[in-house]
Amino acid sequence: MRMLLLLAALLPAVAGALEVNVATRAQLEQLEGLGVATTERILEQRARRPFEDWHDLVRRVSGLRGRRAEALDRQGLKVNGKPLRAADVEKGK
């Protein structure tokens, strides 16, 4: 089981994408636009329950709307394997 979790965490980095629901603190902090405080908010919310989609992520983690979400998407951040869509960010407002 641990091996599967390790592979799940490493696979997104190899594929050029980073899944928010399995990314490590270090992986998230490497993304431009995510500092220590925002990363901590992501991890706290994710510990409560995984993010369902981008709408859920931007709704539950303050500071991730608009341009910041778009920048994270361009860097390969995914939520349940899916990229950001403008409608997801709009729903989060």
Protein backbone atom coordinates (compact mmCIF):
# COMPACT_ATOMS: atom_id res chain seq x y z
CA MET A 1 0.00 0.00 0.00
CA ARG A 2 2.79 2.44 0.87
CA MET A 3 4.44 1.71 -2.46
CA LEU A 4 1.22 2.60 -4.28
CA LEU A 5 0.95 5.89 -2.40
CA LEU A 6 4.56 6.70 -3.20
CA LEU A 7 4.01 5.93 -6.88
CA ALA A 8 0.84 8.03 -6.91
CA ALA A 9 2.76 10.97 -5.47
CA LEU A 10 5.63 10.62 -7.93
CA LEU A 11 3.67 9.90 -11.08
CA PRO A 12 2.29 13.42 -11.52
CA ALA A 13 5.81 14.90 -11.40
CA VAL A 14 6.95 12.49 -14.09
CA ALA A 15 3.92 13.21 -16.25
CA GLY A 16 4.34 17.00 -15.93
CA ALA A 17 1.23 17.36 -13.80
CA LEU A 18 0.84 17.71 -10.07
CA GLU A 19 -2.28 16.35 -8.39
CA VAL A 20 -3.33 18.59 -5.51
CA ASN A 21 -4.89 15.69 -3.61
CA VAL A 22 -1.62 13.71 -3.36
CA ALA A 23 1.11 16.33 -3.73
CA THR A 24 3.56 16.72 -0.88
CA ARG A 25 4.16 19.99 0.95
CA ALA A 26 7.50 20.35 -0.86
CA GLN A 27 5.92 19.76 -4.28
CA LEU A 28 3.23 22.37 -3.65
CA GLU A 29 5.69 24.93 -2.32
CA GLN A 30 7.74 24.61 -5.52
CA LEU A 31 4.86 26.01 -7.55
CA GLU A 32 5.22 29.70 -8.30
CA GLY A 33 2.50 31.57 -6.45
CA LEU A 34 2.15 29.10 -3.59
CA GLY A 35 3.92 30.11 -0.45
CA VAL A 36 4.11 28.44 2.92
CA ALA A 37 0.82 29.91 4.19
CA THR A 38 -1.26 28.97 1.14
CA THR A 39 0.27 25.53 1.02
CA GLU A 40 -0.64 25.05 4.68
CA ARG A 41 -4.27 26.04 3.94
CA ILE A 42 -4.37 23.53 1.08
CA LEU A 43 -3.01 20.74 3.27
CA GLU A 44 -5.38 21.56 6.14
CA GLN A 45 -8.42 21.48 3.87
CA ARG A 46 -7.23 18.35 2.07
CA ALA A 47 -6.83 16.59 5.43
CA ARG A 48 -10.52 17.21 6.10
CA ARG A 49 -11.47 15.72 2.75
CA PRO A 50 -9.95 15.57 -0.74
CA PHE A 51 -10.82 18.30 -3.21
CA GLU A 52 -13.55 17.27 -5.65
CA ASP A 53 -12.71 19.75 -8.41
CA TRP A 54 -11.25 23.22 -8.99
CA HIS A 55 -14.45 24.84 -7.76
CA ASP A 56 -14.09 22.99 -4.47
CA LEU A 57 -10.41 23.97 -4.20
CA VAL A 58 -10.93 27.70 -4.78
CA ARG A 59 -13.99 27.73 -2.52
CA ARG A 60 -12.20 26.12 0.42
CA VAL A 61 -8.74 27.71 0.10
CA SER A 62 -8.69 31.49 0.21
CA GLY A 63 -6.42 33.25 -2.23
CA LEU A 64 -6.62 30.74 -5.09
CA ARG A 65 -9.10 32.44 -7.37
CA GLY A 66 -8.57 34.15 -10.70
CA ARG A 67 -5.05 34.70 -11.93
CA ARG A 68 -3.44 32.66 -9.20
CA ALA A 69 -5.54 29.61 -10.12
CA GLU A 70 -4.74 30.17 -13.80
CA ALA A 71 -1.01 30.37 -13.01
CA LEU A 72 -1.17 27.13 -11.02
CA ASP A 73 -3.02 25.46 -13.88
CA ARG A 74 -0.33 26.57 -16.36
CA GLN A 75 2.28 24.97 -14.08
CA GLY A 76 0.43 21.66 -14.24
CA LEU A 77 -1.63 21.62 -11.04
CA LYS A 78 -4.61 19.31 -11.41
CA VAL A 79 -7.61 18.51 -9.22
CA ASN A 80 -8.69 14.89 -9.64
CA GLY A 81 -6.64 14.80 -12.83
CA LYS A 82 -8.45 17.73 -14.40
CA PRO A 83 -7.12 21.13 -15.43
CA LEU A 84 -8.73 24.41 -14.51
CA ARG A 85 -11.67 25.62 -16.54
CA ALA A 86 -12.78 29.26 -16.32
CA ALA A 87 -16.26 28.18 -15.20
CA ASP A 88 -14.79 26.40 -12.17
CA VAL A 89 -13.15 29.59 -10.92
CA GLU A 90 -16.28 31.63 -11.59
CA LYS A 91 -18.39 29.19 -9.56
CA GLY A 92 -15.97 29.64 -6.66
CA LYS A 93 -16.69 33.35 -6.35
